[in-house]
Amino acid sequence: MKNILSKSQFRQLQVIELLYSNQATSIIKLSKKINTSEKTLRQDIQELNILLAPSRIDISSISGLSLQLDTKMSIESIYSLFLFKSTEFLIIEHVFFHNYQSLDSLAEELFISTSTLRRMIATINQNLETINCQIDSQVLDLVGNENQICNFMIHYFEEKYRNSSAIFPKIQLKTLNKIFLTVFNSLEVTPNYPDLEKLRLWSMVILTRIKTGHRFTFTKEQHDRLPKEVLNNSLLKQLFRATFSIQLTPDVFFQVFYFFFNNKYCQTLEQLDDLAKKDRSIAELIESLYQFLESISNKLEIELENKDELVLDLYNMDALYYGNSYILYNRYQAYIESITHDYSNFYHFIKKEVNQNPFIKKKKWSQDAINNFFYMLITHWPGLAHGIEKSIPVFSGALFFDTDTEHVKMLQDRLSYFFQDRLKFTILESLTLSELKKSATQYDMLLTNLFDIELKKTRVVVLPLALQTSDLKKIDEVYLDLLQESDTF
């Protein structure tokens, strides 16, 4: 949804993303990369430094541009700042929360002209069409696929505010907490902060939609699954009505917990087994997930102790997937990119396994859904990450410099620290270049400060006396090439 941003904000976000991923670069290179003038780029940097403070973009005549993040900020908090700054996203938020009588009243609230508001809504709607919803400029409401609207707003609030108490009244959140804990106790489930926070956000988004007359429909079977402990609790019902000015009827309770009362979500393995007996397609998916996990476990020789629980988690991930899980910052994609830096072959191995499993492949998951699947697989399978690390080969690096032996030893220690468990470095004691070339062939790479050394199979990396970050990156790139060629998985 980055295209909802204004052109200038979209360009400024590009600047942040490029500097965050590429460390330092020059004004000239960056302006060419984002297709803008150096003058405009300098103006963008000035505006960004105001937005990012106390973080900033430094400009140096030696190292060029670099993003300096304050210790209390992360890349995720920067994306949050862009959502706070964006008038376009603020329009969506205002329409979601408030009942405006006219475009003029909304424009006045936002301190923009009505004609500007019309243009912005048109741009917003072009992007929202991809998730089958839009802003109706006549009634000033979000209309369309209710699942997609709620999913969008949930992830918008999550990404912008990070905390439900920053958006919604604390007294309402406390009431929801009492209901959630009652439900958790009845199900004998131990609550945790991430799950409770998601429930708070989801429920408040849906309650807001209920107040504006939007509803989900539910079946008698879903109605029968509603927890009687809550519906028959007169004190909770009175508290709910006093807090939200809405009666806690079975219909309202279903709306609030809609994402968990769809026909496919299962709280327990027993529920999953019962559902599989009634629905052949679900039974096939479960069988495919077991085959998928067993195939990985056997091929990588990694034990899987919580197979049933992992199948339930992966199944529910699919059942509860209503659309993209991000607005601007795709954190699961970022997580995968960080993981695949060292384990790129493993990621491709998993994708291959998915494609070889006909039923999972038939699901035709989006890239975002695949990212969610991969994230859950690697975080919910105890020992998988460690097992992968054990499967990654350690490559050998030879060191040969025409400086003194103490410098080379210091270099060995420093490189061993940076590339521990990935590269093992050995100092060569060759006395001639001929001996060096012969000895170096036994290693995957040769690190040296000598020029014009050609070796057929061993990679040669020429380094200066004083290593810079760019030199470590150069070694890392060779390592990744070796890993790619190794066909580990």
Protein backbone atom coordinates (compact mmCIF):
# COMPACT_ATOMS: atom_id res chain seq x y z
CA MET A 1 0.00 0.00 0.00
CA LYS A 2 3.00 2.31 -0.38
CA ASN A 3 1.36 3.84 -3.46
CA ILE A 4 -1.23 5.47 -1.18
CA LEU A 5 1.56 7.79 0.04
CA SER A 6 2.06 11.13 -1.72
CA LYS A 7 4.76 11.18 -4.39
CA SER A 8 7.21 13.04 -2.15
CA GLN A 9 6.64 10.69 0.81
CA PHE A 10 6.94 7.65 -1.44
CA ARG A 11 10.28 8.99 -2.72
CA GLN A 12 11.49 9.77 0.80
CA LEU A 13 10.59 6.26 1.93
CA GLN A 14 12.66 4.94 -0.99
CA VAL A 15 15.61 6.96 0.33
CA ILE A 16 15.23 5.41 3.79
CA GLU A 17 14.92 1.87 2.43
CA LEU A 18 17.97 2.19 0.19
CA LEU A 19 20.14 3.72 2.92
CA TYR A 20 18.97 1.13 5.45
CA SER A 21 19.84 -1.81 3.19
CA ASN A 22 22.98 -0.41 1.53
CA GLN A 23 24.65 1.46 4.38
CA ALA A 24 26.48 4.42 2.77
CA THR A 25 26.16 5.82 -0.75
CA SER A 26 26.69 9.13 -2.56
CA ILE A 27 24.17 11.87 -3.37
CA ILE A 28 24.76 11.34 -7.09
CA LYS A 29 24.22 7.55 -6.99
CA LEU A 30 21.14 7.78 -4.80
CA SER A 31 19.51 10.53 -6.89
CA LYS A 32 19.96 8.40 -10.01
CA LYS A 33 18.58 5.34 -8.26
CA ILE A 34 15.33 7.07 -7.25
CA ASN A 35 15.19 9.07 -10.50
CA THR A 36 15.23 12.56 -9.00
CA SER A 37 17.52 15.60 -9.00
CA GLU A 38 20.30 16.13 -6.46
CA LYS A 39 18.57 19.34 -5.36
CA THR A 40 15.30 17.50 -4.63
CA LEU A 41 17.19 14.74 -2.83
CA ARG A 42 18.91 17.29 -0.57
CA GLN A 43 15.52 18.86 0.24
CA ASP A 44 14.15 15.38 1.01
CA ILE A 45 17.05 14.70 3.37
CA GLN A 46 16.36 17.96 5.22
CA GLU A 47 12.70 17.00 5.65
CA LEU A 48 13.59 13.46 6.66
CA ASN A 49 16.00 14.65 9.34
CA ILE A 50 13.17 16.67 10.90
CA LEU A 51 10.87 13.61 10.76
CA LEU A 52 13.47 11.13 12.03
CA ALA A 53 15.01 13.15 14.87
CA PRO A 54 16.94 12.10 16.95
CA SER A 55 17.89 9.67 14.17
CA ARG A 56 19.28 11.31 11.04
CA ILE A 57 20.82 10.96 7.61
CA ASP A 58 24.45 12.07 7.71
CA ILE A 59 26.18 13.59 4.70
CA SER A 60 29.95 13.13 4.57
CA SER A 61 32.36 14.14 1.82
CA ILE A 62 34.26 10.89 2.47
CA SER A 63 31.61 8.22 3.08
CA GLY A 64 28.61 9.92 1.45
CA LEU A 65 25.08 9.42 2.83
CA SER A 66 24.40 7.11 5.76
CA LEU A 67 21.38 6.46 7.96
CA GLN A 68 22.19 6.82 11.67
CA LEU A 69 19.46 5.24 13.78
CA ASP A 70 19.05 6.32 17.39
CA THR A 71 19.21 3.44 19.89
CA LYS A 72 15.52 3.93 20.73
CA MET A 73 14.41 3.65 17.11
CA SER A 74 14.22 0.83 14.58
CA ILE A 75 13.31 0.60 10.91
CA GLU A 76 9.77 -0.33 12.04
CA SER A 77 9.40 2.90 14.00
CA ILE A 78 10.43 4.85 10.89
CA TYR A 79 7.63 3.26 8.87
CA SER A 80 5.29 4.22 11.72
CA LEU A 81 6.42 7.85 11.38
CA PHE A 82 5.52 7.80 7.68
CA LEU A 83 2.01 6.61 8.55
CA PHE A 84 1.69 9.43 11.09
CA LYS A 85 2.87 11.97 8.50
CA SER A 86 0.66 10.78 5.64
CA THR A 87 -2.51 12.80 5.00
CA GLU A 88 -3.76 10.02 2.74
CA PHE A 89 -3.68 7.41 5.49
CA LEU A 90 -5.14 9.94 7.93
CA ILE A 91 -8.14 10.29 5.60
CA ILE A 92 -8.74 6.53 5.84
CA GLU A 93 -8.41 6.65 9.64
CA HIS A 94 -10.82 9.59 9.97
CA VAL A 95 -13.40 7.93 7.73
CA PHE A 96 -13.08 4.73 9.78
CA PHE A 97 -13.66 6.44 13.15
CA HIS A 98 -15.97 9.36 12.38
CA ASN A 99 -19.29 9.96 10.68
CA TYR A 100 -18.74 13.06 8.55
CA GLN A 101 -21.75 14.70 6.96
CA SER A 102 -19.88 16.03 3.93
CA LEU A 103 -16.53 16.19 2.14
CA ASP A 104 -16.31 19.84 3.19
CA SER A 105 -16.42 18.96 6.90
CA LEU A 106 -13.72 16.28 6.50
CA ALA A 107 -11.56 18.64 4.41
CA GLU A 108 -11.89 21.30 7.10
CA GLU A 109 -10.84 18.79 9.76
CA LEU A 110 -7.72 17.92 7.73
CA PHE A 111 -6.90 21.56 6.80
CA ILE A 112 -7.01 20.83 3.07
CA SER A 113 -9.31 21.97 0.27
CA THR A 114 -12.31 19.90 -0.80
CA SER A 115 -10.88 19.53 -4.32
CA THR A 116 -7.60 18.23 -2.88
CA LEU A 117 -9.56 15.78 -0.71
CA ARG A 118 -11.43 14.50 -3.78
CA ARG A 119 -8.16 13.89 -5.63
CA MET A 120 -6.66 12.11 -2.63
CA ILE A 121 -9.72 9.86 -2.20
CA ALA A 122 -9.52 8.94 -5.90
CA THR A 123 -5.86 7.92 -5.46
CA ILE A 124 -6.63 6.02 -2.25
CA ASN A 125 -9.46 4.13 -3.96
CA GLN A 126 -7.22 3.07 -6.84
CA ASN A 127 -5.07 1.24 -4.29
CA LEU A 128 -7.90 -0.06 -2.10
CA GLU A 129 -9.50 -1.64 -5.17
CA THR A 130 -6.81 -4.32 -4.97
CA ILE A 131 -8.40 -5.54 -1.71
CA ASN A 132 -11.99 -5.05 -2.91
CA CYS A 133 -12.91 -2.00 -0.87
CA GLN A 134 -13.00 1.78 -1.19
CA ILE A 135 -14.05 5.06 0.43
CA ASP A 136 -17.57 5.94 -0.63
CA SER A 137 -17.29 9.73 -1.10
CA GLN A 138 -21.09 10.13 -0.88
CA VAL A 139 -21.61 8.60 2.58
CA LEU A 140 -17.93 8.92 3.63
CA ASP A 141 -17.58 5.32 4.76
CA LEU A 142 -15.33 2.37 4.01
CA VAL A 143 -17.36 -0.04 1.89
CA GLY A 144 -16.69 -3.35 0.18
CA ASN A 145 -15.36 -6.69 1.42
CA GLU A 146 -15.78 -6.50 5.20
CA ASN A 147 -13.05 -9.09 5.83
CA GLN A 148 -10.55 -7.03 3.83
CA ILE A 149 -11.58 -3.73 5.44
CA CYS A 150 -11.11 -5.12 8.96
CA ASN A 151 -7.86 -6.84 8.01
CA PHE A 152 -6.52 -3.58 6.52
CA MET A 153 -7.44 -1.47 9.57
CA ILE A 154 -6.08 -4.04 12.02
CA HIS A 155 -2.67 -4.07 10.35
CA TYR A 156 -2.75 -0.30 9.85
CA PHE A 157 -3.24 0.34 13.59
CA GLU A 158 -0.70 -2.34 14.47
CA GLU A 159 1.93 -0.82 12.18
CA LYS A 160 1.24 2.81 13.04
CA TYR A 161 0.64 2.71 16.81
CA ARG A 162 2.05 -0.69 17.91
CA ASN A 163 -0.10 -0.46 21.05
CA SER A 164 -3.90 -0.65 21.23
CA SER A 165 -3.97 1.70 24.25
CA ALA A 166 -2.54 4.46 22.04
CA ILE A 167 -5.73 4.39 19.94
CA PHE A 168 -8.63 3.08 21.99
CA PRO A 169 -9.95 4.04 25.48
CA LYS A 170 -8.27 2.08 28.25
CA ILE A 171 -11.56 1.37 30.03
CA GLN A 172 -12.84 -0.39 26.90
CA LEU A 173 -9.64 -2.43 26.62
CA LYS A 174 -9.93 -3.47 30.28
CA THR A 175 -13.46 -4.74 29.66
CA LEU A 176 -12.27 -6.74 26.66
CA ASN A 177 -9.43 -8.19 28.76
CA LYS A 178 -11.97 -9.55 31.27
CA ILE A 179 -13.94 -11.21 28.48
CA PHE A 180 -10.80 -12.64 26.87
CA LEU A 181 -9.50 -14.05 30.16
CA THR A 182 -12.89 -15.64 30.88
CA VAL A 183 -12.80 -17.33 27.46
CA PHE A 184 -9.17 -18.40 27.91
CA ASN A 185 -9.95 -19.90 31.32
CA SER A 186 -12.88 -21.86 29.93
CA LEU A 187 -10.64 -23.24 27.19
CA GLU A 188 -7.77 -23.88 29.65
CA VAL A 189 -5.48 -21.73 27.51
CA THR A 190 -2.64 -19.68 29.02
CA PRO A 191 -2.78 -16.12 27.65
CA ASN A 192 0.26 -14.13 26.51
CA TYR A 193 0.79 -10.49 25.56
CA PRO A 194 1.09 -10.91 21.74
CA ASP A 195 -2.14 -12.91 21.51
CA LEU A 196 -4.03 -10.56 23.83
CA GLU A 197 -2.79 -7.49 21.98
CA LYS A 198 -3.93 -8.93 18.64
CA LEU A 199 -7.33 -9.76 20.13
CA ARG A 200 -7.65 -6.25 21.55
CA LEU A 201 -6.89 -4.66 18.19
CA TRP A 202 -9.09 -7.02 16.20
CA SER A 203 -12.01 -6.66 18.59
CA MET A 204 -11.84 -2.86 18.76
CA VAL A 205 -11.72 -2.59 14.97
CA ILE A 206 -14.77 -4.83 14.63
CA LEU A 207 -16.67 -3.05 17.43
CA THR A 208 -16.06 0.24 15.64
CA ARG A 209 -17.50 -1.28 12.46
CA ILE A 210 -20.52 -2.63 14.39
CA LYS A 211 -21.33 0.88 15.62
CA THR A 212 -21.46 2.08 12.00
CA GLY A 213 -23.86 -0.69 11.02
CA HIS A 214 -21.48 -3.25 9.48
CA ARG A 215 -21.97 -6.94 10.17
CA PHE A 216 -20.64 -10.39 9.42
CA THR A 217 -23.09 -13.24 8.92
CA PHE A 218 -22.79 -16.52 10.80
CA THR A 219 -24.31 -19.98 10.67
CA LYS A 220 -26.11 -21.99 13.35
CA GLU A 221 -23.02 -24.21 13.63
CA GLN A 222 -20.88 -21.18 14.40
CA HIS A 223 -23.50 -19.95 16.87
CA ASP A 224 -23.31 -23.28 18.72
CA ARG A 225 -19.55 -22.79 19.18
CA LEU A 226 -19.99 -19.51 21.09
CA PRO A 227 -18.80 -19.88 24.72
CA LYS A 228 -21.76 -20.07 27.07
CA GLU A 229 -19.50 -18.98 29.97
CA VAL A 230 -19.54 -15.47 28.52
CA LEU A 231 -23.01 -15.34 27.00
CA ASN A 232 -24.60 -16.47 30.28
CA ASN A 233 -22.43 -14.25 32.50
CA SER A 234 -24.75 -11.41 33.49
CA LEU A 235 -21.98 -9.35 35.12
CA LEU A 236 -19.83 -9.42 31.97
CA LYS A 237 -22.84 -8.54 29.82
CA GLN A 238 -23.70 -5.58 32.05
CA LEU A 239 -20.08 -4.41 32.02
CA PHE A 240 -19.96 -4.69 28.24
CA ARG A 241 -23.13 -2.68 27.80
CA ALA A 242 -21.99 0.01 30.25
CA THR A 243 -18.61 0.28 28.47
CA PHE A 244 -19.58 0.09 24.80
CA SER A 245 -23.28 1.08 24.87
CA ILE A 246 -23.98 -2.18 23.01
CA GLN A 247 -25.72 -5.30 24.30
CA LEU A 248 -23.50 -8.39 24.31
CA THR A 249 -25.86 -10.58 22.29
CA PRO A 250 -24.69 -13.79 20.56
CA ASP A 251 -24.63 -11.79 17.31
CA VAL A 252 -22.36 -9.08 18.77
CA PHE A 253 -20.09 -11.65 20.43
CA PHE A 254 -19.71 -13.45 17.12
CA GLN A 255 -18.85 -10.17 15.36
CA VAL A 256 -16.17 -9.33 17.93
CA PHE A 257 -14.59 -12.78 17.66
CA TYR A 258 -15.40 -13.22 13.97
CA PHE A 259 -11.83 -14.03 12.95
CA PHE A 260 -11.86 -16.97 15.37
CA PHE A 261 -15.36 -18.18 14.64
CA ASN A 262 -15.03 -18.74 10.95
CA ASN A 263 -15.91 -22.26 9.87
CA LYS A 264 -12.30 -23.42 9.61
CA TYR A 265 -10.41 -22.12 12.68
CA CYS A 266 -9.61 -24.83 15.26
CA GLN A 267 -8.53 -24.23 18.84
CA THR A 268 -7.49 -27.84 19.50
CA LEU A 269 -6.24 -30.91 17.67
CA GLU A 270 -9.52 -32.63 18.54
CA GLN A 271 -11.47 -29.92 16.72
CA LEU A 272 -9.15 -30.24 13.76
CA ASP A 273 -9.71 -34.01 13.63
CA ASP A 274 -13.50 -33.55 13.79
CA LEU A 275 -13.39 -30.94 11.03
CA ALA A 276 -11.24 -33.16 8.83
CA LYS A 277 -13.84 -35.94 9.10
CA LYS A 278 -16.53 -33.60 7.78
CA ASP A 279 -14.54 -31.78 5.09
CA ARG A 280 -12.45 -33.78 2.60
CA SER A 281 -10.47 -30.74 1.42
CA ILE A 282 -9.38 -29.98 5.00
CA ALA A 283 -8.41 -33.62 5.51
CA GLU A 284 -6.26 -33.44 2.35
CA LEU A 285 -4.59 -30.23 3.54
CA ILE A 286 -3.78 -31.75 6.94
CA GLU A 287 -2.39 -34.89 5.31
CA SER A 288 -0.29 -32.71 2.98
CA LEU A 289 1.10 -30.70 5.91
CA TYR A 290 2.14 -33.90 7.69
CA GLN A 291 3.84 -35.16 4.50
CA PHE A 292 5.53 -31.79 4.03
CA LEU A 293 6.94 -31.73 7.58
CA GLU A 294 8.05 -35.37 7.49
CA SER A 295 9.83 -34.81 4.18
CA ILE A 296 11.79 -31.87 5.60
CA SER A 297 12.54 -33.73 8.83
CA ASN A 298 13.86 -36.79 6.94
CA LYS A 299 15.87 -34.91 4.32
CA LEU A 300 17.53 -32.58 6.83
CA GLU A 301 17.71 -35.22 9.58
CA ILE A 302 16.15 -32.77 12.04
CA GLU A 303 13.88 -34.19 14.73
CA LEU A 304 10.32 -32.88 14.93
CA GLU A 305 8.84 -33.47 18.38
CA ASN A 306 5.80 -31.17 18.17
CA LYS A 307 4.52 -32.36 14.79
CA ASP A 308 0.81 -32.31 15.70
CA GLU A 309 0.97 -28.85 17.28
CA LEU A 310 2.92 -27.47 14.30
CA VAL A 311 0.36 -28.87 11.86
CA LEU A 312 -2.39 -27.16 13.88
CA ASP A 313 -0.47 -23.84 13.83
CA LEU A 314 0.20 -24.02 10.09
CA TYR A 315 -3.38 -25.01 9.38
CA ASN A 316 -4.73 -22.09 11.45
CA MET A 317 -2.34 -19.71 9.73
CA ASP A 318 -4.09 -20.59 6.48
CA ALA A 319 -7.56 -20.51 8.07
CA LEU A 320 -6.99 -17.06 9.61
CA TYR A 321 -5.28 -15.51 6.60
CA TYR A 322 -7.56 -12.76 5.28
CA GLY A 323 -5.09 -10.78 3.21
CA ASN A 324 -1.76 -8.95 3.38
CA SER A 325 -0.32 -8.77 6.89
CA TYR A 326 1.30 -5.35 6.44
CA ILE A 327 0.66 -1.84 5.14
CA LEU A 328 4.10 -0.32 4.47
CA TYR A 329 6.63 -2.51 6.27
CA ASN A 330 6.64 -6.18 5.29
CA ARG A 331 8.32 -7.48 8.43
CA TYR A 332 7.92 -11.15 7.52
CA GLN A 333 9.65 -10.50 4.20
CA ALA A 334 12.42 -8.64 6.07
CA TYR A 335 12.71 -11.57 8.49
CA ILE A 336 13.04 -14.03 5.62
CA GLU A 337 15.66 -11.87 3.92
CA SER A 338 17.72 -11.80 7.11
CA ILE A 339 17.36 -15.57 7.54
CA THR A 340 18.14 -16.33 3.90
CA HIS A 341 21.29 -14.24 4.03
CA ASP A 342 23.02 -17.29 5.45
CA TYR A 343 20.42 -19.90 4.59
CA SER A 344 19.32 -18.91 1.07
CA ASN A 345 19.52 -22.52 -0.07
CA PHE A 346 17.22 -23.54 2.76
CA TYR A 347 14.57 -21.01 1.68
CA HIS A 348 14.71 -22.30 -1.90
CA PHE A 349 14.60 -25.85 -0.54
CA ILE A 350 11.38 -25.05 1.36
CA LYS A 351 9.80 -23.41 -1.71
CA LYS A 352 10.73 -26.49 -3.72
CA GLU A 353 9.14 -28.75 -1.11
CA VAL A 354 5.96 -26.63 -1.23
CA ASN A 355 5.85 -26.86 -5.03
CA GLN A 356 6.37 -30.62 -4.91
CA ASN A 357 3.42 -31.01 -2.54
CA PRO A 358 0.44 -30.91 -4.93
CA PHE A 359 -2.23 -29.97 -2.38
CA ILE A 360 -0.24 -27.17 -0.74
CA LYS A 361 0.74 -25.90 -4.18
CA LYS A 362 -2.95 -25.92 -5.15
CA LYS A 363 -3.64 -23.37 -2.39
CA LYS A 364 -1.95 -20.76 -4.63
CA TRP A 365 -0.74 -18.71 -1.67
CA SER A 366 0.36 -15.12 -2.29
CA GLN A 367 3.99 -14.21 -1.56
CA ASP A 368 2.84 -12.65 1.72
CA ALA A 369 1.07 -15.89 2.72
CA ILE A 370 4.23 -17.87 1.86
CA ASN A 371 6.25 -15.47 4.02
CA ASN A 372 3.85 -16.05 6.93
CA PHE A 373 4.11 -19.81 6.39
CA PHE A 374 7.93 -19.73 6.33
CA TYR A 375 8.06 -17.51 9.44
CA MET A 376 5.77 -19.82 11.38
CA LEU A 377 7.64 -22.91 10.21
CA ILE A 378 11.04 -21.71 11.36
CA THR A 379 9.85 -20.12 14.64
CA HIS A 380 7.36 -22.81 15.73
CA TRP A 381 9.64 -25.79 14.99
CA PRO A 382 12.03 -26.05 17.97
CA GLY A 383 15.50 -26.99 16.82
CA LEU A 384 14.92 -26.24 13.13
CA ALA A 385 17.11 -23.12 13.03
CA HIS A 386 19.87 -24.90 14.97
CA GLY A 387 19.56 -27.92 12.69
CA ILE A 388 19.93 -25.70 9.63
CA GLU A 389 23.05 -24.08 11.09
CA LYS A 390 24.58 -27.50 11.62
CA SER A 391 23.85 -28.33 7.97
CA ILE A 392 25.57 -25.20 6.64
CA PRO A 393 29.16 -25.97 5.56
CA VAL A 394 32.06 -24.00 7.03
CA PHE A 395 34.23 -22.66 4.21
CA SER A 396 37.98 -22.20 4.42
CA GLY A 397 39.85 -18.96 3.95
CA ALA A 398 43.62 -18.58 3.53
CA LEU A 399 45.38 -15.39 4.68
CA PHE A 400 48.57 -14.16 3.01
CA PHE A 401 49.82 -10.57 3.45
CA ASP A 402 53.23 -9.00 2.84
CA THR A 403 52.99 -7.15 6.17
CA ASP A 404 54.38 -8.41 9.50
CA THR A 405 53.12 -11.64 11.07
CA GLU A 406 51.54 -9.83 14.04
CA HIS A 407 49.26 -7.88 11.69
CA VAL A 408 48.16 -11.04 9.91
CA LYS A 409 47.42 -12.73 13.25
CA MET A 410 45.36 -9.74 14.35
CA LEU A 411 43.52 -9.89 11.01
CA GLN A 412 42.82 -13.60 11.51
CA ASP A 413 41.32 -12.92 14.95
CA ARG A 414 39.15 -10.09 13.66
CA LEU A 415 37.84 -12.02 10.66
CA SER A 416 37.22 -15.12 12.78
CA TYR A 417 35.09 -12.97 15.09
CA PHE A 418 33.03 -11.52 12.22
CA PHE A 419 32.56 -14.79 10.34
CA GLN A 420 32.42 -17.29 13.20
CA ASP A 421 30.76 -20.61 12.28
CA ARG A 422 30.84 -19.61 8.61
CA LEU A 423 34.51 -19.23 7.63
CA LYS A 424 37.64 -20.75 9.12
CA PHE A 425 40.81 -18.74 8.46
CA THR A 426 44.33 -20.12 8.18
CA ILE A 427 47.55 -18.10 7.87
CA LEU A 428 49.74 -19.39 5.02
CA GLU A 429 53.48 -19.60 5.67
CA SER A 430 54.51 -19.68 1.99
CA LEU A 431 57.94 -18.21 1.15
CA THR A 432 57.39 -17.62 -2.57
CA LEU A 433 54.47 -16.72 -4.81
CA SER A 434 54.70 -20.14 -6.45
CA GLU A 435 54.33 -21.82 -3.07
CA LEU A 436 51.45 -19.46 -2.25
CA LYS A 437 49.52 -20.37 -5.41
CA LYS A 438 50.02 -24.07 -4.75
CA SER A 439 48.96 -23.87 -1.08
CA ALA A 440 45.99 -21.59 -1.77
CA THR A 441 44.33 -24.19 -4.02
CA GLN A 442 43.44 -26.17 -0.90
CA TYR A 443 41.16 -23.36 0.31
CA ASP A 444 37.82 -21.91 -0.79
CA MET A 445 39.11 -18.34 -0.81
CA LEU A 446 42.39 -16.47 -0.52
CA LEU A 447 42.46 -13.14 1.30
CA THR A 448 45.53 -11.06 0.44
CA ASN A 449 46.80 -7.54 -0.16
CA LEU A 450 48.79 -8.66 -3.22
CA PHE A 451 47.55 -7.74 -6.70
CA ASP A 452 47.11 -9.85 -9.81
CA ILE A 453 47.05 -13.30 -8.21
CA GLU A 454 45.04 -15.63 -10.44
CA LEU A 455 43.78 -18.98 -9.17
CA LYS A 456 41.52 -21.38 -11.07
CA LYS A 457 39.22 -22.67 -8.33
CA THR A 458 40.04 -20.59 -5.26
CA ARG A 459 38.32 -17.18 -4.97
CA VAL A 460 40.77 -14.32 -4.49
CA VAL A 461 39.74 -11.31 -2.37
CA VAL A 462 42.17 -8.36 -2.34
CA LEU A 463 42.06 -6.36 0.88
CA PRO A 464 43.75 -3.20 2.20
CA LEU A 465 45.87 -3.02 5.32
CA ALA A 466 43.05 -1.42 7.33
CA LEU A 467 39.74 -3.20 6.80
CA GLN A 468 36.59 -1.15 6.18
CA THR A 469 32.94 -2.23 6.34
CA SER A 470 32.94 -2.47 2.54
CA ASP A 471 35.77 -5.03 2.72
CA LEU A 472 33.83 -7.24 5.13
CA LYS A 473 30.85 -6.99 2.79
CA LYS A 474 33.09 -8.10 -0.10
CA ILE A 475 34.15 -11.21 1.83
CA ASP A 476 30.53 -11.85 2.76
CA GLU A 477 29.47 -11.72 -0.91
CA VAL A 478 32.06 -14.35 -1.81
CA TYR A 479 30.85 -16.48 1.10
CA LEU A 480 27.27 -16.26 -0.17
CA ASP A 481 28.40 -17.26 -3.67
CA LEU A 482 30.17 -20.30 -2.22
CA LEU A 483 27.09 -21.19 -0.23
CA GLN A 484 24.90 -20.92 -3.31
CA GLU A 485 27.21 -23.17 -5.27
CA SER A 486 27.44 -25.74 -2.48
CA ASP A 487 23.85 -26.93 -3.00
CA THR A 488 23.65 -27.70 0.71
CA PHE A 489 19.99 -28.68 0.77
